[in-house]
Amino acid sequence: MKRASLLSMLIFAGALLASPVLADAPAHGPRGGGPGPDPAGFLAHHAERLGLDESTTRSIEEVVDASSTRADALREQLRAAHDQLHQLLSVDAPD
């Protein structure tokens, strides 16, 4: 039960951190031209109010770091696919 509760709290906190609507920083994605929300700052700002202990905070930070790393890799794959598609469509008679 304790493990399920911790997992639920991590998922909830991760959703809060990932939501640009709830972040203090303005939400700008790759197309917005500015930095996105700061999950670490958001967590530090709200951890006490949420009643998160240091262990839980560390766990959330690990999840955020892992998801950020994964998102960067996916963004790079998307950029490569976009470039490839652009190249294919740039020929005189696309196949």
N, C-alpha and C. Protein backbone atom coordinates (compact mmCIF):
# COMPACT_ATOMS: atom_id res chain seq x y z
N MET A 1 0.83 -1.20 0.00
CA MET A 1 0.00 0.00 0.00
C MET A 1 0.87 1.26 0.00
N LYS A 2 1.94 1.24 0.81
CA LYS A 2 2.81 2.40 0.90
C LYS A 2 3.48 2.68 -0.44
N ARG A 3 3.88 1.60 -1.14
CA ARG A 3 4.53 1.74 -2.44
C ARG A 3 3.56 2.33 -3.46
N ALA A 4 2.32 1.88 -3.45
CA ALA A 4 1.30 2.39 -4.37
C ALA A 4 1.03 3.86 -4.09
N SER A 5 1.01 4.22 -2.82
CA SER A 5 0.78 5.61 -2.45
C SER A 5 1.93 6.50 -2.93
N LEU A 6 3.16 6.03 -2.76
CA LEU A 6 4.33 6.79 -3.22
C LEU A 6 4.30 6.92 -4.73
N LEU A 7 3.97 5.84 -5.42
CA LEU A 7 3.91 5.88 -6.86
C LEU A 7 2.84 6.86 -7.33
N SER A 8 1.70 6.85 -6.68
CA SER A 8 0.63 7.79 -7.02
C SER A 8 1.09 9.23 -6.81
N MET A 9 1.80 9.47 -5.71
CA MET A 9 2.28 10.81 -5.42
C MET A 9 3.31 11.23 -6.47
N LEU A 10 4.19 10.32 -6.88
CA LEU A 10 5.19 10.64 -7.90
C LEU A 10 4.52 10.97 -9.23
N ILE A 11 3.53 10.19 -9.60
CA ILE A 11 2.83 10.44 -10.85
C ILE A 11 2.12 11.79 -10.80
N PHE A 12 1.47 12.06 -9.69
CA PHE A 12 0.77 13.33 -9.53
C PHE A 12 1.76 14.50 -9.58
N ALA A 13 2.87 14.38 -8.86
CA ALA A 13 3.86 15.45 -8.83
C ALA A 13 4.49 15.62 -10.21
N GLY A 14 4.74 14.52 -10.91
CA GLY A 14 5.29 14.60 -12.25
C GLY A 14 4.34 15.32 -13.19
N ALA A 15 3.05 15.04 -13.05
CA ALA A 15 2.06 15.72 -13.87
C ALA A 15 2.04 17.22 -13.57
N LEU A 16 2.17 17.57 -12.31
CA LEU A 16 2.22 18.98 -11.94
C LEU A 16 3.45 19.66 -12.54
N LEU A 17 4.58 18.97 -12.46
CA LEU A 17 5.82 19.55 -12.97
C LEU A 17 5.79 19.67 -14.49
N ALA A 18 5.14 18.74 -15.13
CA ALA A 18 5.11 18.74 -16.59
C ALA A 18 4.09 19.72 -17.16
N SER A 19 3.20 20.20 -16.34
CA SER A 19 2.13 21.06 -16.82
C SER A 19 2.59 22.52 -16.89
N PRO A 20 2.73 23.05 -18.09
CA PRO A 20 3.15 24.45 -18.21
C PRO A 20 2.10 25.42 -17.68
N VAL A 21 0.86 24.97 -17.57
CA VAL A 21 -0.19 25.83 -17.05
C VAL A 21 0.06 26.15 -15.58
N LEU A 22 0.58 25.16 -14.85
CA LEU A 22 0.80 25.34 -13.42
C LEU A 22 2.18 25.86 -13.08
N ALA A 23 3.08 25.87 -14.03
CA ALA A 23 4.45 26.32 -13.76
C ALA A 23 4.47 27.84 -13.60
N ASP A 24 5.43 28.31 -12.83
CA ASP A 24 5.57 29.74 -12.61
C ASP A 24 6.12 30.45 -13.84
N ALA A 25 6.98 29.78 -14.60
CA ALA A 25 7.58 30.39 -15.78
C ALA A 25 6.59 30.36 -16.93
N PRO A 26 6.73 31.32 -17.85
CA PRO A 26 5.86 31.29 -19.01
C PRO A 26 6.14 30.04 -19.83
N ALA A 27 5.11 29.49 -20.42
CA ALA A 27 5.26 28.25 -21.19
C ALA A 27 5.64 28.56 -22.62
N HIS A 28 6.86 28.27 -22.97
CA HIS A 28 7.33 28.41 -24.34
C HIS A 28 7.97 27.09 -24.71
N GLY A 29 7.48 26.50 -25.74
CA GLY A 29 8.07 25.25 -26.20
C GLY A 29 9.12 25.54 -27.25
N PRO A 30 9.51 24.52 -28.00
CA PRO A 30 10.50 24.70 -29.05
C PRO A 30 10.06 25.74 -30.08
N ARG A 31 8.76 25.89 -30.31
CA ARG A 31 8.29 26.86 -31.28
C ARG A 31 8.13 28.25 -30.65
N GLY A 32 8.08 28.34 -29.34
CA GLY A 32 7.85 29.61 -28.67
C GLY A 32 9.07 30.49 -28.60
N GLY A 33 10.25 29.92 -28.81
CA GLY A 33 11.45 30.71 -28.85
C GLY A 33 12.05 31.04 -27.49
N GLY A 34 11.43 30.64 -26.42
CA GLY A 34 11.98 30.94 -25.11
C GLY A 34 12.14 29.68 -24.29
N PRO A 35 12.70 29.82 -23.12
CA PRO A 35 12.85 28.64 -22.28
C PRO A 35 11.49 28.16 -21.79
N GLY A 36 11.40 26.89 -21.54
CA GLY A 36 10.15 26.32 -21.03
C GLY A 36 10.09 26.51 -19.53
N PRO A 37 9.10 25.91 -18.90
CA PRO A 37 8.99 26.00 -17.45
C PRO A 37 10.17 25.32 -16.78
N ASP A 38 10.49 25.74 -15.60
CA ASP A 38 11.62 25.20 -14.85
C ASP A 38 11.10 24.22 -13.81
N PRO A 39 11.12 22.90 -14.11
CA PRO A 39 10.58 21.92 -13.17
C PRO A 39 11.29 21.92 -11.82
N ALA A 40 12.62 22.09 -11.82
CA ALA A 40 13.35 22.09 -10.56
C ALA A 40 12.95 23.28 -9.69
N GLY A 41 12.81 24.44 -10.30
CA GLY A 41 12.39 25.62 -9.56
C GLY A 41 10.97 25.49 -9.05
N PHE A 42 10.11 24.92 -9.88
CA PHE A 42 8.72 24.70 -9.49
C PHE A 42 8.65 23.77 -8.29
N LEU A 43 9.42 22.67 -8.37
CA LEU A 43 9.43 21.70 -7.27
C LEU A 43 9.97 22.33 -5.99
N ALA A 44 11.08 23.05 -6.10
CA ALA A 44 11.66 23.69 -4.92
C ALA A 44 10.68 24.69 -4.31
N HIS A 45 9.97 25.38 -5.16
CA HIS A 45 9.04 26.41 -4.69
C HIS A 45 7.83 25.80 -3.98
N HIS A 46 7.36 24.63 -4.44
CA HIS A 46 6.13 24.07 -3.92
C HIS A 46 6.30 22.81 -3.06
N ALA A 47 7.51 22.31 -2.91
CA ALA A 47 7.72 21.04 -2.18
C ALA A 47 7.22 21.12 -0.74
N GLU A 48 7.52 22.18 -0.07
CA GLU A 48 7.10 22.29 1.34
C GLU A 48 5.58 22.36 1.45
N ARG A 49 4.98 23.15 0.58
CA ARG A 49 3.52 23.30 0.60
C ARG A 49 2.83 21.98 0.28
N LEU A 50 3.46 21.16 -0.58
CA LEU A 50 2.90 19.86 -0.94
C LEU A 50 3.21 18.79 0.12
N GLY A 51 4.05 19.14 1.06
CA GLY A 51 4.41 18.19 2.12
C GLY A 51 5.36 17.09 1.64
N LEU A 52 6.21 17.41 0.69
CA LEU A 52 7.13 16.41 0.15
C LEU A 52 8.40 16.36 0.98
N ASP A 53 8.80 15.17 1.37
CA ASP A 53 10.06 15.04 2.10
C ASP A 53 11.21 15.00 1.10
N GLU A 54 12.43 15.02 1.60
CA GLU A 54 13.61 15.08 0.74
C GLU A 54 13.73 13.86 -0.17
N SER A 55 13.40 12.69 0.34
CA SER A 55 13.47 11.48 -0.45
C SER A 55 12.50 11.53 -1.63
N THR A 56 11.29 11.96 -1.37
CA THR A 56 10.29 12.06 -2.43
C THR A 56 10.70 13.12 -3.45
N THR A 57 11.22 14.23 -2.96
CA THR A 57 11.68 15.30 -3.85
C THR A 57 12.78 14.78 -4.77
N ARG A 58 13.74 14.04 -4.20
CA ARG A 58 14.81 13.45 -5.00
C ARG A 58 14.26 12.49 -6.05
N SER A 59 13.29 11.68 -5.65
CA SER A 59 12.67 10.73 -6.58
C SER A 59 11.99 11.46 -7.74
N ILE A 60 11.29 12.53 -7.42
CA ILE A 60 10.62 13.32 -8.46
C ILE A 60 11.66 13.94 -9.39
N GLU A 61 12.73 14.47 -8.83
CA GLU A 61 13.78 15.07 -9.65
C GLU A 61 14.39 14.04 -10.60
N GLU A 62 14.56 12.80 -10.14
CA GLU A 62 15.09 11.74 -10.99
C GLU A 62 14.13 11.44 -12.14
N VAL A 63 12.84 11.40 -11.84
CA VAL A 63 11.84 11.15 -12.88
C VAL A 63 11.85 12.29 -13.90
N VAL A 64 11.92 13.52 -13.42
CA VAL A 64 11.94 14.69 -14.31
C VAL A 64 13.19 14.68 -15.17
N ASP A 65 14.35 14.37 -14.57
CA ASP A 65 15.59 14.31 -15.35
C ASP A 65 15.53 13.24 -16.42
N ALA A 66 15.03 12.06 -16.05
CA ALA A 66 14.93 10.96 -17.02
C ALA A 66 13.97 11.33 -18.15
N SER A 67 12.84 11.95 -17.83
CA SER A 67 11.90 12.31 -18.88
C SER A 67 12.46 13.42 -19.76
N SER A 68 13.22 14.32 -19.18
CA SER A 68 13.84 15.39 -19.96
C SER A 68 14.86 14.81 -20.93
N THR A 69 15.65 13.86 -20.46
CA THR A 69 16.64 13.21 -21.32
C THR A 69 15.94 12.49 -22.47
N ARG A 70 14.88 11.78 -22.16
CA ARG A 70 14.11 11.05 -23.17
C ARG A 70 13.46 12.04 -24.15
N ALA A 71 12.93 13.14 -23.66
CA ALA A 71 12.30 14.14 -24.53
C ALA A 71 13.34 14.75 -25.47
N ASP A 72 14.54 15.00 -24.98
CA ASP A 72 15.60 15.55 -25.83
C ASP A 72 15.93 14.58 -26.96
N ALA A 73 16.02 13.28 -26.64
CA ALA A 73 16.32 12.27 -27.66
C ALA A 73 15.19 12.19 -28.69
N LEU A 74 13.96 12.23 -28.23
CA LEU A 74 12.81 12.19 -29.15
C LEU A 74 12.76 13.44 -30.02
N ARG A 75 13.08 14.59 -29.43
CA ARG A 75 13.11 15.84 -30.20
C ARG A 75 14.15 15.77 -31.30
N GLU A 76 15.30 15.17 -30.99
CA GLU A 76 16.36 15.01 -31.98
C GLU A 76 15.93 14.08 -33.11
N GLN A 77 15.23 12.98 -32.76
CA GLN A 77 14.72 12.07 -33.78
C GLN A 77 13.69 12.77 -34.67
N LEU A 78 12.83 13.57 -34.05
CA LEU A 78 11.83 14.31 -34.80
C LEU A 78 12.49 15.30 -35.76
N ARG A 79 13.52 15.99 -35.27
CA ARG A 79 14.24 16.95 -36.11
C ARG A 79 14.88 16.24 -37.31
N ALA A 80 15.47 15.06 -37.08
CA ALA A 80 16.10 14.30 -38.16
C ALA A 80 15.06 13.84 -39.17
N ALA A 81 13.90 13.37 -38.69
CA ALA A 81 12.83 12.93 -39.59
C ALA A 81 12.29 14.11 -40.39
N HIS A 82 12.17 15.26 -39.76
CA HIS A 82 11.71 16.47 -40.44
C HIS A 82 12.68 16.85 -41.55
N ASP A 83 13.97 16.83 -41.24
CA ASP A 83 14.98 17.17 -42.23
C ASP A 83 14.95 16.19 -43.40
N GLN A 84 14.77 14.90 -43.09
CA GLN A 84 14.71 13.89 -44.14
C GLN A 84 13.47 14.11 -45.03
N LEU A 85 12.34 14.38 -44.41
CA LEU A 85 11.12 14.64 -45.17
C LEU A 85 11.28 15.88 -46.04
N HIS A 86 11.87 16.92 -45.49
CA HIS A 86 12.11 18.15 -46.24
C HIS A 86 12.98 17.87 -47.46
N GLN A 87 14.01 17.07 -47.25
CA GLN A 87 14.91 16.72 -48.34
C GLN A 87 14.16 15.93 -49.43
N LEU A 88 13.32 14.98 -49.01
CA LEU A 88 12.56 14.18 -49.98
C LEU A 88 11.57 15.04 -50.78
N LEU A 89 10.97 16.01 -50.13
CA LEU A 89 9.97 16.84 -50.80
C LEU A 89 10.58 17.99 -51.59
N SER A 90 11.87 18.23 -51.45
CA SER A 90 12.54 19.33 -52.14
C SER A 90 12.95 18.99 -53.56
N VAL A 91 12.90 17.74 -53.95
CA VAL A 91 13.29 17.37 -55.31
C VAL A 91 12.22 17.84 -56.29
N ASP A 92 12.60 17.93 -57.55
CA ASP A 92 11.68 18.44 -58.57
C ASP A 92 10.39 17.62 -58.67
N ALA A 93 10.54 16.29 -58.61
CA ALA A 93 9.36 15.42 -58.71
C ALA A 93 9.38 14.45 -57.52
N PRO A 94 8.80 14.85 -56.38
CA PRO A 94 8.81 13.96 -55.21
C PRO A 94 8.14 12.63 -55.54
N ASP A 95 8.72 11.56 -55.01
CA ASP A 95 8.19 10.22 -55.26
C ASP A 95 7.23 9.86 -54.13
